[in-house]
Protein backbone atom coordinates (compact mmCIF):
# COMPACT_ATOMS: atom_id res chain seq x y z
CA MET A 1 21.29 -18.62 7.37
CA THR A 2 21.09 -16.05 4.57
CA GLN A 3 18.70 -18.25 2.63
CA HIS A 4 16.19 -18.37 5.49
CA ILE A 5 16.13 -14.59 5.84
CA VAL A 6 13.36 -14.58 3.20
CA LEU A 7 11.00 -16.13 5.76
CA TYR A 8 11.95 -13.97 8.75
CA PRO A 9 9.57 -11.04 7.96
CA ILE A 10 6.70 -13.56 7.95
CA ILE A 11 7.87 -15.50 11.01
CA VAL A 12 8.35 -12.36 13.13
CA HIS A 13 4.73 -11.22 12.71
CA LEU A 14 3.42 -14.77 13.14
CA LEU A 15 5.23 -15.12 16.47
CA LEU A 16 4.14 -11.63 17.52
CA ALA A 17 0.49 -12.41 16.79
CA ILE A 18 0.69 -15.66 18.78
CA LEU A 19 2.40 -13.95 21.73
CA LEU A 20 -0.25 -11.23 21.69
CA LEU A 21 -2.98 -13.87 21.83
CA PHE A 22 -1.37 -15.34 24.97
CA ALA A 23 -1.33 -11.81 26.46
CA TRP A 24 -5.06 -11.36 25.72
CA ASN A 25 -5.98 -10.28 29.27
CA SER A 26 -3.20 -7.69 29.64
CA ILE A 27 -3.56 -4.71 27.29
CA LYS A 28 -0.45 -3.08 28.74
CA LEU A 29 1.64 -6.17 27.97
CA GLN A 30 0.15 -6.34 24.47
CA LYS A 31 1.22 -2.76 23.80
CA VAL A 32 4.78 -3.51 24.91
CA ILE A 33 4.98 -6.70 22.80
CA SER A 34 3.59 -4.91 19.74
CA ALA A 35 5.94 -1.93 20.10
CA VAL A 36 9.08 -4.04 20.60
CA GLY A 37 8.00 -6.50 17.91
CA SER A 38 7.42 -3.71 15.40
CA ILE A 39 10.99 -2.48 15.94
CA LEU A 40 12.27 -6.04 15.45
CA SER A 41 10.17 -6.39 12.30
CA LEU A 42 11.63 -3.20 10.85
CA LEU A 43 15.17 -4.34 11.65
CA VAL A 44 14.51 -7.68 9.91
CA ALA A 45 13.10 -5.82 6.88
CA VAL A 46 16.23 -3.63 6.74
CA TRP A 47 18.38 -6.76 7.00
CA LEU A 48 16.49 -8.43 4.16
CA PHE A 49 16.70 -5.36 1.94
CA THR A 50 20.43 -4.96 2.59
CA THR A 51 21.07 -8.63 1.84
CA VAL A 52 19.11 -8.52 -1.43
CA TRP A 53 20.77 -5.26 -2.45
CA ASN A 54 24.29 -6.61 -1.85
CA GLU A 55 23.90 -10.29 -2.75
CA GLY A 56 21.01 -10.37 -5.23
CA THR A 57 17.70 -12.23 -5.26
CA GLN A 58 17.16 -14.63 -2.35
CA THR A 59 14.95 -17.72 -2.64
CA ILE A 60 13.88 -20.60 -0.43
CA GLN A 61 11.91 -23.73 -1.32
CA SER A 62 9.40 -24.82 1.33
CA GLY A 63 9.95 -28.34 2.61
CA ASN A 64 12.94 -28.70 0.26
CA TRP A 65 10.58 -29.43 -2.63
CA LYS A 66 12.37 -28.14 -5.69
CA ALA A 67 10.62 -25.56 -7.85
CA PRO A 68 8.23 -25.66 -9.59
CA PHE A 69 6.72 -28.44 -7.42
CA GLY A 70 6.97 -26.82 -3.99
CA ILE A 71 5.99 -23.41 -2.69
CA THR A 72 8.75 -20.91 -3.35
CA PHE A 73 9.46 -17.70 -1.46
CA VAL A 74 11.41 -15.08 -3.37
CA ALA A 75 12.92 -11.78 -2.28
CA ASP A 76 14.09 -9.70 -5.21
CA THR A 77 14.62 -5.94 -4.91
CA PHE A 78 10.91 -5.21 -5.53
CA ALA A 79 9.70 -7.63 -2.84
CA ALA A 80 12.38 -6.54 -0.36
CA THR A 81 11.44 -2.88 -0.90
CA MET A 82 7.77 -3.62 -0.25
CA VAL A 83 8.65 -5.55 2.92
CA LEU A 84 10.78 -2.61 4.08
CA LEU A 85 7.91 -0.19 3.43
CA THR A 86 5.58 -2.53 5.36
CA GLY A 87 8.03 -2.41 8.27
CA ILE A 88 8.18 1.40 8.18
CA SER A 89 4.41 1.85 8.00
CA GLY A 90 3.82 -0.99 10.44
CA ILE A 91 5.96 0.51 13.21
CA ALA A 92 4.30 3.92 12.74
CA VAL A 93 0.78 2.50 12.86
CA SER A 94 1.61 0.24 15.79
CA TYR A 95 2.75 3.17 17.95
CA PHE A 96 -0.06 5.40 16.71
CA SER A 97 -2.55 2.66 17.63
CA VAL A 98 -1.23 2.53 21.18
CA GLY A 99 -1.95 6.24 21.51
CA THR A 100 -5.34 6.38 19.79
CA ILE A 101 -7.19 3.04 19.89
CA LEU A 102 -9.61 2.81 22.79
CA LYS A 103 -8.99 0.18 25.46
CA ALA A 104 -12.40 -1.37 24.72
CA ARG A 105 -11.32 -2.10 21.14
CA MET A 106 -7.93 -3.37 22.29
CA LYS A 107 -9.73 -5.97 24.42
CA PHE A 108 -11.24 -7.54 21.32
CA GLY A 109 -7.86 -8.46 19.84
CA TYR A 110 -6.90 -5.36 17.89
CA LEU A 111 -3.13 -5.78 18.15
CA PRO A 112 -3.00 -9.54 17.33
CA ILE A 113 -5.15 -8.92 14.24
CA LEU A 114 -2.95 -5.97 13.26
CA HIS A 115 0.10 -8.24 13.20
CA PHE A 116 -1.79 -11.01 11.36
CA LEU A 117 -2.53 -8.38 8.69
CA LEU A 118 1.14 -7.39 8.47
CA LEU A 119 1.97 -11.11 8.29
CA GLY A 120 -0.34 -11.45 5.28
CA LEU A 121 1.15 -8.41 3.57
CA ASN A 122 4.72 -9.70 3.89
CA GLY A 123 3.63 -13.14 2.71
CA ALA A 124 1.99 -11.66 -0.39
CA PHE A 125 5.13 -9.71 -1.26
CA LEU A 126 7.49 -12.65 -0.79
CA THR A 127 5.61 -15.56 -2.32
CA GLY A 128 6.73 -16.94 -5.65
CA ASP A 129 3.62 -19.10 -6.13
CA ILE A 130 0.45 -17.68 -7.69
CA PHE A 131 -1.94 -19.83 -5.62
CA ASN A 132 0.00 -19.03 -2.47
CA LEU A 133 -0.52 -15.35 -3.37
CA TYR A 134 -4.27 -16.03 -3.26
CA VAL A 135 -3.89 -17.61 0.19
CA TRP A 136 -2.04 -14.55 1.51
CA PHE A 137 -4.72 -12.33 0.00
CA GLU A 138 -7.35 -14.21 2.00
CA ILE A 139 -5.38 -13.74 5.22
CA ILE A 140 -5.26 -10.02 4.44
CA ILE A 141 -9.01 -9.85 3.75
CA ILE A 142 -9.97 -11.73 6.92
CA SER A 143 -7.67 -9.62 9.11
CA SER A 144 -8.72 -6.33 7.54
CA PHE A 145 -12.41 -7.23 7.83
CA VAL A 146 -11.98 -7.76 11.58
CA LEU A 147 -10.13 -4.45 11.94
CA ILE A 148 -12.70 -2.50 9.94
CA THR A 149 -15.61 -3.86 12.04
CA LEU A 150 -13.92 -3.73 15.44
CA GLY A 151 -16.11 -1.50 17.57
CA GLY A 152 -19.38 -2.38 15.85
CA GLU A 153 -20.45 1.16 14.93
CA LYS A 154 -23.12 1.44 12.25
CA LYS A 155 -20.92 3.28 9.75
CA GLN A 156 -18.18 0.69 10.23
CA LEU A 157 -20.54 -2.21 9.52
CA GLU A 158 -21.92 -0.48 6.41
CA GLY A 159 -18.40 0.17 5.14
CA ALA A 160 -17.32 -3.36 6.01
CA VAL A 161 -20.16 -4.92 3.97
CA LYS A 162 -19.09 -2.99 0.87
CA TYR A 163 -15.42 -3.68 1.51
CA PHE A 164 -15.86 -7.40 2.13
CA THR A 165 -18.35 -8.01 -0.70
CA LEU A 166 -16.19 -6.44 -3.41
CA ASN A 167 -12.97 -7.98 -2.13
CA ILE A 168 -14.50 -11.45 -1.93
CA PHE A 169 -15.79 -10.97 -5.48
CA ALA A 170 -12.24 -10.03 -6.50
CA SER A 171 -10.92 -13.15 -4.80
CA VAL A 172 -13.39 -15.34 -6.70
CA ILE A 173 -12.23 -13.84 -9.98
CA PHE A 174 -8.59 -14.21 -8.93
CA LEU A 175 -9.10 -17.87 -7.98
CA THR A 176 -10.89 -18.52 -11.28
CA ALA A 177 -7.98 -16.97 -13.16
CA VAL A 178 -5.54 -19.16 -11.20
CA ALA A 179 -7.57 -22.27 -12.11
CA VAL A 180 -7.58 -21.34 -15.80
CA LEU A 181 -3.86 -20.62 -15.71
CA TYR A 182 -3.17 -23.97 -14.04
CA GLY A 183 -5.30 -25.70 -16.65
CA LEU A 184 -3.27 -24.06 -19.41
CA THR A 185 0.19 -24.69 -17.97
CA GLY A 186 -0.01 -27.32 -15.23
CA SER A 187 2.04 -25.06 -12.96
CA LEU A 188 1.52 -22.47 -10.19
CA ASN A 189 5.11 -21.34 -9.73
CA MET A 190 5.36 -17.79 -11.14
CA ALA A 191 8.86 -18.21 -12.54
CA ASP A 192 7.80 -21.44 -14.25
CA LEU A 193 4.59 -19.77 -15.49
CA SER A 194 6.69 -17.06 -17.12
CA LEU A 195 8.28 -19.70 -19.37
CA LYS A 196 5.18 -21.80 -20.02
CA VAL A 197 2.74 -18.94 -20.76
CA ALA A 198 5.20 -17.54 -23.31
CA ALA A 199 5.12 -20.90 -25.11
CA ILE A 200 1.29 -21.13 -25.38
CA GLU A 201 0.17 -20.74 -29.00
CA ASN A 202 -3.43 -19.72 -28.26
CA ARG A 203 -2.74 -16.08 -27.39
CA GLY A 204 -6.43 -15.21 -27.27
CA LEU A 205 -6.95 -17.58 -24.33
CA VAL A 206 -3.89 -16.10 -22.63
CA GLU A 207 -5.34 -12.60 -23.06
CA VAL A 208 -8.66 -13.66 -21.52
CA THR A 209 -6.81 -15.14 -18.54
CA ALA A 210 -4.76 -11.96 -18.20
CA ILE A 211 -7.93 -9.85 -18.19
CA LEU A 212 -9.33 -11.99 -15.36
CA PHE A 213 -6.20 -11.23 -13.34
CA LEU A 214 -6.51 -7.55 -14.27
CA ILE A 215 -10.10 -7.45 -12.96
CA GLY A 216 -9.30 -9.37 -9.77
CA PHE A 217 -6.24 -7.31 -8.89
CA GLY A 218 -7.87 -4.15 -10.23
CA ILE A 219 -10.68 -4.39 -7.67
CA LYS A 220 -8.15 -4.82 -4.87
CA ALA A 221 -6.09 -1.89 -6.19
CA ALA A 222 -9.26 0.26 -6.60
CA ILE A 223 -8.68 1.24 -10.23
CA PHE A 224 -11.44 2.60 -12.47
CA PRO A 225 -14.25 1.45 -12.67
CA LEU A 226 -13.76 -0.92 -9.71
CA TYR A 227 -12.93 1.66 -7.06
CA PHE A 228 -16.26 2.60 -5.44
CA TRP A 229 -15.89 0.28 -2.43
CA LEU A 230 -12.82 2.17 -1.17
CA PRO A 231 -14.24 5.65 -0.39
CA ALA A 232 -17.31 3.96 1.09
CA SER A 233 -15.23 2.03 3.63
CA TYR A 234 -11.78 3.51 4.32
CA HIS A 235 -13.09 6.50 6.31
CA THR A 236 -15.20 4.36 8.66
CA PRO A 237 -12.65 2.63 10.98
CA PRO A 238 -10.38 4.45 13.48
CA PRO A 239 -7.61 6.57 11.87
CA ALA A 240 -4.92 4.05 12.80
CA VAL A 241 -6.71 1.34 10.79
CA SER A 242 -7.41 3.73 7.91
CA ALA A 243 -3.71 4.66 7.89
CA LEU A 244 -2.67 1.03 7.40
CA PHE A 245 -5.39 0.45 4.81
CA GLY A 246 -4.68 3.67 2.89
CA GLY A 247 -0.94 3.16 2.91
CA LEU A 248 -0.54 -0.55 2.24
CA LEU A 249 -3.69 -2.51 1.37
CA THR A 250 -4.39 -1.07 -2.09
CA LYS A 251 -0.67 -1.31 -2.87
CA VAL A 252 -0.89 -5.10 -2.56
CA GLY A 253 -3.19 -5.05 -5.59
CA VAL A 254 -0.76 -2.76 -7.43
CA TYR A 255 2.16 -5.01 -6.47
CA ALA A 256 0.32 -8.06 -7.80
CA LEU A 257 -0.53 -6.29 -11.07
CA ILE A 258 3.06 -5.21 -11.62
CA ARG A 259 4.45 -8.63 -10.68
CA VAL A 260 2.07 -10.64 -12.87
CA PHE A 261 2.17 -8.32 -15.89
CA THR A 262 5.98 -8.09 -15.93
CA LEU A 263 6.62 -11.78 -15.26
CA ILE A 264 3.76 -13.90 -16.63
CA PHE A 265 1.78 -11.83 -19.15
CA VAL A 266 4.50 -9.93 -20.94
CA GLY A 267 4.60 -7.78 -24.06
CA ASP A 268 0.93 -7.69 -25.07
CA ALA A 269 0.13 -4.37 -26.77
CA PHE A 270 -3.64 -4.84 -26.31
CA LEU A 271 -3.30 -5.30 -22.53
CA GLU A 272 -0.92 -2.35 -22.27
CA THR A 273 -3.50 -0.16 -24.03
CA ILE A 274 -6.21 -1.29 -21.60
CA ILE A 275 -3.97 -0.58 -18.61
CA LEU A 276 -3.04 2.89 -19.91
CA THR A 277 -6.71 3.74 -20.47
CA LEU A 278 -7.68 2.56 -16.98
CA ALA A 279 -4.77 4.51 -15.49
CA GLY A 280 -5.86 7.77 -17.10
CA LEU A 281 -9.48 7.29 -16.04
CA THR A 282 -8.42 6.39 -12.49
CA LEU A 283 -6.38 9.59 -12.25
CA PHE A 284 -9.34 11.65 -13.45
CA VAL A 285 -12.18 10.03 -11.48
CA GLY A 286 -10.29 9.93 -8.17
CA ALA A 287 -9.35 13.60 -8.48
CA VAL A 288 -12.93 14.65 -9.25
CA GLY A 289 -14.19 12.59 -6.30
CA ALA A 290 -11.77 14.33 -3.93
CA LEU A 291 -12.89 17.72 -5.26
CA VAL A 292 -16.50 17.39 -4.06
CA GLN A 293 -15.89 16.01 -0.55
CA ASN A 294 -15.98 17.93 2.75
CA ASN A 295 -14.87 15.17 5.11
CA ILE A 296 -11.07 15.05 5.33
CA ALA A 297 -10.89 11.24 5.54
CA LYS A 298 -13.11 10.92 2.44
CA ILE A 299 -10.89 13.37 0.55
CA PHE A 300 -7.83 11.28 1.40
CA SER A 301 -9.71 8.14 0.29
CA TYR A 302 -10.38 9.60 -3.15
CA LEU A 303 -6.78 10.77 -3.41
CA ILE A 304 -5.73 7.14 -2.86
CA ILE A 305 -7.78 6.19 -5.92
CA SER A 306 -6.47 9.03 -8.07
CA HIS A 307 -2.84 8.36 -7.23
CA ILE A 308 -3.14 4.62 -7.89
CA GLY A 309 -3.43 5.84 -11.49
CA PHE A 310 0.20 7.02 -11.43
CA MET A 311 1.41 3.53 -10.50
CA ILE A 312 -0.76 1.76 -13.08
CA LEU A 313 0.33 4.30 -15.69
CA GLY A 314 3.96 3.28 -15.24
CA LEU A 315 3.01 -0.38 -15.81
CA GLY A 316 1.03 0.49 -18.94
CA LEU A 317 3.88 2.49 -20.48
CA TYR A 318 6.08 -0.59 -19.91
CA THR A 319 9.55 0.95 -20.15
CA GLU A 320 12.27 0.74 -17.53
CA ALA A 321 12.03 4.46 -16.81
CA ALA A 322 8.23 4.36 -16.52
CA ILE A 323 8.20 1.34 -14.21
CA ALA A 324 10.97 2.95 -12.16
CA GLY A 325 8.70 6.01 -11.89
CA ALA A 326 5.81 3.77 -10.75
CA ILE A 327 8.04 2.12 -8.11
CA PHE A 328 9.26 5.51 -6.89
CA TYR A 329 5.63 6.61 -6.62
CA ILE A 330 4.70 3.49 -4.64
CA ILE A 331 7.52 4.18 -2.17
CA HIS A 332 6.38 7.80 -1.78
CA ASP A 333 2.68 6.97 -1.65
CA ILE A 334 2.82 4.29 1.03
CA VAL A 335 4.64 6.62 3.43
CA VAL A 336 2.56 9.71 2.67
CA LYS A 337 -0.90 8.09 2.61
CA THR A 338 -0.21 6.28 5.89
CA ASN A 339 0.79 9.62 7.38
CA LEU A 340 -2.20 11.51 5.97
CA PHE A 341 -4.70 9.28 7.75
CA MET A 342 -2.73 9.63 10.98
CA VAL A 343 -2.87 13.40 10.44
CA SER A 344 -6.64 13.09 10.14
CA GLY A 345 -6.60 11.24 13.46
CA LEU A 346 -4.65 14.08 15.08
CA ILE A 347 -7.07 16.66 13.67
CA TYR A 348 -9.94 14.60 15.07
CA ARG A 349 -8.29 14.58 18.50
CA LEU A 350 -7.80 18.35 18.33
CA LYS A 351 -11.33 19.27 17.23
CA GLY A 352 -13.63 16.25 17.56
CA THR A 353 -14.68 16.39 13.89
CA LEU A 354 -13.31 15.92 10.37
CA SER A 355 -15.85 18.13 8.59
CA MET A 356 -14.20 21.10 6.89
CA LYS A 357 -17.42 23.10 7.30
CA THR A 358 -16.88 23.28 11.05
CA LEU A 359 -13.08 23.07 11.32
CA GLY A 360 -10.65 25.98 11.43
CA GLY A 361 -8.13 27.82 13.56
CA ILE A 362 -5.69 24.96 14.11
CA TYR A 363 -2.64 26.97 13.01
CA ALA A 364 -3.45 29.81 15.41
CA LYS A 365 -3.59 27.45 18.42
CA HIS A 366 -1.07 24.81 17.31
CA PRO A 367 1.47 26.36 14.89
CA LEU A 368 4.19 23.71 15.35
CA LEU A 369 1.76 20.82 14.95
CA SER A 370 0.34 22.52 11.85
CA LEU A 371 3.80 22.83 10.27
CA LEU A 372 4.43 19.14 11.02
CA MET A 373 1.15 18.18 9.33
CA LEU A 374 2.02 20.44 6.41
CA ILE A 375 4.85 18.10 5.35
CA PRO A 376 2.69 15.10 4.31
CA LEU A 377 0.01 17.43 2.93
CA PHE A 378 2.44 19.16 0.58
CA SER A 379 4.30 15.90 -0.15
CA VAL A 380 1.14 14.29 -1.53
CA VAL A 381 0.79 17.20 -3.98
CA GLY A 382 4.34 16.79 -5.22
CA ILE A 383 5.54 20.34 -4.67
CA PRO A 384 9.26 20.42 -5.61
CA PRO A 385 11.49 19.12 -4.10
CA LEU A 386 9.16 16.99 -1.96
CA SER A 387 8.72 13.27 -2.57
CA GLY A 388 5.69 13.29 -4.88
CA PHE A 389 7.39 15.47 -7.49
CA TRP A 390 10.16 13.23 -8.78
CA PRO A 391 8.28 10.12 -10.00
CA LYS A 392 5.85 12.28 -11.97
CA LEU A 393 8.75 13.60 -14.03
CA SER A 394 9.57 10.07 -15.19
CA LEU A 395 5.94 9.33 -16.05
CA ILE A 396 5.45 12.62 -17.95
CA THR A 397 8.73 12.11 -19.84
CA GLU A 398 7.82 8.57 -20.90
CA SER A 399 4.29 9.64 -21.90
CA PHE A 400 5.80 12.43 -23.99
CA LYS A 401 8.13 9.96 -25.75
CA ILE A 402 5.15 7.99 -27.09
CA GLU A 403 3.30 11.28 -27.77
CA ASN A 404 0.36 10.26 -25.59
CA PHE A 405 -0.72 13.75 -24.65
CA TRP A 406 -4.02 12.77 -23.05
CA LEU A 407 -2.06 10.82 -20.44
CA ILE A 408 0.11 13.87 -19.79
CA GLY A 409 -3.11 15.86 -19.46
CA ALA A 410 -4.47 13.32 -16.95
CA ILE A 411 -1.27 13.54 -14.87
CA ILE A 412 -1.36 17.35 -14.86
CA PHE A 413 -5.11 17.41 -14.12
CA ALA A 414 -4.76 15.00 -11.16
CA THR A 415 -1.79 16.98 -9.84
CA PHE A 416 -3.56 20.35 -10.00
CA ILE A 417 -6.74 18.98 -8.45
CA THR A 418 -4.65 17.48 -5.64
CA LEU A 419 -2.98 20.87 -5.18
CA PHE A 420 -6.37 22.60 -5.08
CA VAL A 421 -7.81 20.10 -2.60
CA ILE A 422 -4.81 20.25 -0.25
CA ALA A 423 -4.74 24.07 -0.45
CA ARG A 424 -8.43 24.02 0.45
CA ILE A 425 -7.75 21.77 3.45
CA TRP A 426 -4.96 24.08 4.60
CA SER A 427 -7.17 27.15 4.19
CA GLU A 428 -10.32 25.72 5.76
CA VAL A 429 -8.87 23.52 8.49
CA PHE A 430 -5.70 25.33 9.54
CA TRP A 431 -5.69 28.93 8.32
CA LYS A 432 -9.19 30.35 8.65
CA GLU A 433 -10.51 31.56 11.98
CA GLY A 434 -12.00 28.69 13.91
CA LYS A 435 -15.41 28.55 15.55
CA GLU A 436 -16.02 27.37 19.08
CA LEU A 437 -17.41 23.85 18.65
CA PRO A 438 -19.68 22.15 21.20
CA VAL A 439 -17.68 20.08 23.67
CA ILE A 440 -18.20 16.33 23.21
CA GLN A 441 -18.75 14.65 26.54
CA ASN A 442 -16.24 11.94 27.51
CA PHE A 443 -14.18 12.64 24.36
CA ARG A 444 -10.41 12.39 24.74
CA TYR A 445 -9.35 15.72 23.26
CA PHE A 446 -5.65 16.11 22.49
CA HIS A 447 -5.07 18.78 25.15
CA LEU A 448 -6.54 16.47 27.81
CA LEU A 449 -4.16 13.61 27.07
CA LYS A 450 -1.09 12.77 29.12
CA LEU A 451 2.31 13.64 27.62
CA GLU A 452 2.98 9.95 26.91
CA LYS A 453 -0.18 9.69 24.78
CA LYS A 454 0.64 12.92 22.95
CA ILE A 455 4.07 11.57 22.04
CA GLN A 456 2.50 8.30 20.83
CA ILE A 457 0.31 10.32 18.46
CA ILE A 458 2.82 12.94 17.29
CA GLY A 459 5.86 10.61 17.16
CA PRO A 460 4.68 8.37 14.28
CA ILE A 461 3.55 11.41 12.26
CA ALA A 462 6.97 13.05 12.76
CA PHE A 463 8.73 9.75 11.90
CA LEU A 464 6.90 9.35 8.57
CA ALA A 465 7.25 13.08 7.83
CA PHE A 466 11.02 12.65 8.19
CA ILE A 467 10.93 9.62 5.85
CA SER A 468 8.95 11.70 3.31
CA LEU A 469 11.51 14.49 3.49
CA TYR A 470 14.30 11.97 2.96
CA ILE A 471 12.52 10.53 -0.09
CA GLY A 472 12.22 14.04 -1.54
CA PHE A 473 15.62 15.50 -0.67
CA GLY A 474 17.44 12.18 -1.12
CA ALA A 475 15.61 11.39 -4.35
CA GLU A 476 18.78 10.17 -6.08
CA ASN A 477 18.97 7.23 -3.63
CA ILE A 478 15.31 6.32 -4.05
CA GLN A 479 15.66 6.67 -7.82
CA GLN A 480 18.57 4.24 -7.74
CA VAL A 481 16.39 1.67 -5.98
CA ALA A 482 13.48 2.31 -8.37
CA GLU A 483 15.70 1.97 -11.44
CA ARG A 484 17.12 -1.33 -10.19
CA VAL A 485 13.59 -2.64 -9.59
CA GLY A 486 12.50 -1.49 -13.05
CA SER A 487 15.49 -3.19 -14.65
CA GLU A 488 14.91 -6.47 -12.76
CA LEU A 489 11.21 -6.52 -13.63
CA LEU A 490 11.70 -6.02 -17.36
CA ASN A 491 14.73 -8.30 -17.51
CA ASN A 492 13.33 -11.12 -15.42
CA GLN A 493 15.76 -13.87 -16.41
CA ASN A 494 17.60 -13.43 -13.11
CA TYR A 495 14.34 -13.93 -11.16
CA ILE A 496 13.54 -17.09 -13.15
CA GLU A 497 17.04 -18.53 -12.73
CA SER A 498 17.07 -17.73 -9.01
CA VAL A 499 13.94 -19.84 -8.60
CA LEU A 500 14.38 -22.61 -11.16
CA GLY A 501 18.13 -22.65 -11.70
CA LYS A 502 19.76 -22.28 -15.07
CA ILE A 503 17.52 -24.88 -16.68
CA ASN A 504 17.69 -23.23 -20.09
CA GLU A 505 21.38 -24.08 -20.34
CA GLN A 506 20.78 -27.80 -19.94
CA PRO A 507 20.87 -29.84 -23.17
C-alpha cells in the first residue's frame, strides 16, 4: 500500500481529467468535480510528503520490471515537496478558475486540460527515468499550449506561437541529449546513470552532453539568454492560467536542472562556473526588464525570470546550504508567484485594466482587499520576516564564503529593483488617487459579481497569502525541509540504493 502511494498523485489527476471529459456537457458538474478532486489531490500530496518524511524515499517499479530496465517512480523529499506545492497551487488555481474563467472557455475543456497539466507536473517530479521525464514534459507542453490558446484572442495566439516554438526547440535539444546519454551509458534510469556517467573516462563528451541538458532545461526554466519567450506569452492567457504557469511551469525546468546536475552530472567545476554566470545574468536581466514595464502582468513575468536566478545560483554554488537556500526559494516562489497572477486577476476585475498609467485608487475604495494583496506583493520582495527574505540569507552567505562579490551584488541589485518595482505598483495602483475609467460594456466587474463568485476569487488569494505568511513566520520548519533536501541531493547514495538496491555491496 505504502509503495503505491508514489503513483497516487498521478492517478488522482488522471481520473479527474477522465471524469471531467465525461461531464463535458455540464459545466456546473465539472466545477464540482474539479473542486472536490483538487482537495483530494492536496490530501494525497500531504500523505505522500508525510510518508516520505517519516519513512524515507519511496520507489515503485512499473510492471515489476526491476531497475534499471523498467520505468521507476521515485519520491524522495525533493519530489514529495514539489508534489505538495503542486497540490497547494493546484487547489488555489482550480477554485480561482471557477470564479474567473468564462463559461464559453469552460465549454472547450478548460478544466480537463487543467488537470492533465497537473498530471504532467506530478509525473515529471516523480519519475526516476530520464526519457520518461521527456514524456511528462511533452504532456505539460501540450496541455499548457491548449490552455494558453483557449479563447482564440489574437494576443493569446501570438504568445502561444512564441511559447510553443521555444519549448518544442527545448524538447528537441532535451531528446538529443537523452539519445547521446543513452549512447554513452546504455541506460535511462537516473540512479543507474549516476553510477555509469561517473565511470566514463571521456569527460569532455560528458561535459558536452551536460551542456545540452543545460540548454534544454534552461529554455524551459527561462534562464538567461533563453528567457525571452516567457514575458511574451505569460501575460496573454486569463489570470488563472498565468497563475499556474508563473507558479509551477518554469519550476519544472529548475527542478530538472537541480535533479540532473546533482545526480548525473556531478562535481564539474566548469559547469558550476557556467551555471553561476547564467544565474547572475538572469537576476540582472529579469530585474531590468521588470523596471521598464507598465503592465502589471508583464512586470510579474519579468520578476519570474529574475527570481529564477536565485534558484540557479544555489545550484551553481553547489553546497548543502546553498542548495537548501535554492529549495527554500522554490517553495516561497511557487506560492507567491501563483498568488501574484491571481492578484492581477482581481485588479483586472476591479478596474478592467492592468495598465499602471490608468490604474489608481484601489486602497481608497477597497482597503481590506488592498491589505490582502499587499501580503504577496511584499513577500516577493523579501521584506523581513516575510518568506522571500530567508533563502536570500543562505545564498548571500554562501557567495560570501567563496568571495564571489559580483554574485552578492547581483542578489542585492535584483532585490532592490524588485522592491522599487513593487513599491511603484503599490503607489500607482493602490495609493494614488484613481481616475474614473470608461465603463466596459458586458464586463463582469468585481462589484457586480454574486457573493459566491467574490469568495471564489478572494478565497484562493487569502489561502496562498496565509501559506506565504506561514513560510515567513514559520521559516525554521521550511528551512528544516530545505536542509534535508539539500543533504539528500548532495549525498545521493540513498536515492541510488532506494532505486537499485545495495548493488555496490555485492561481490
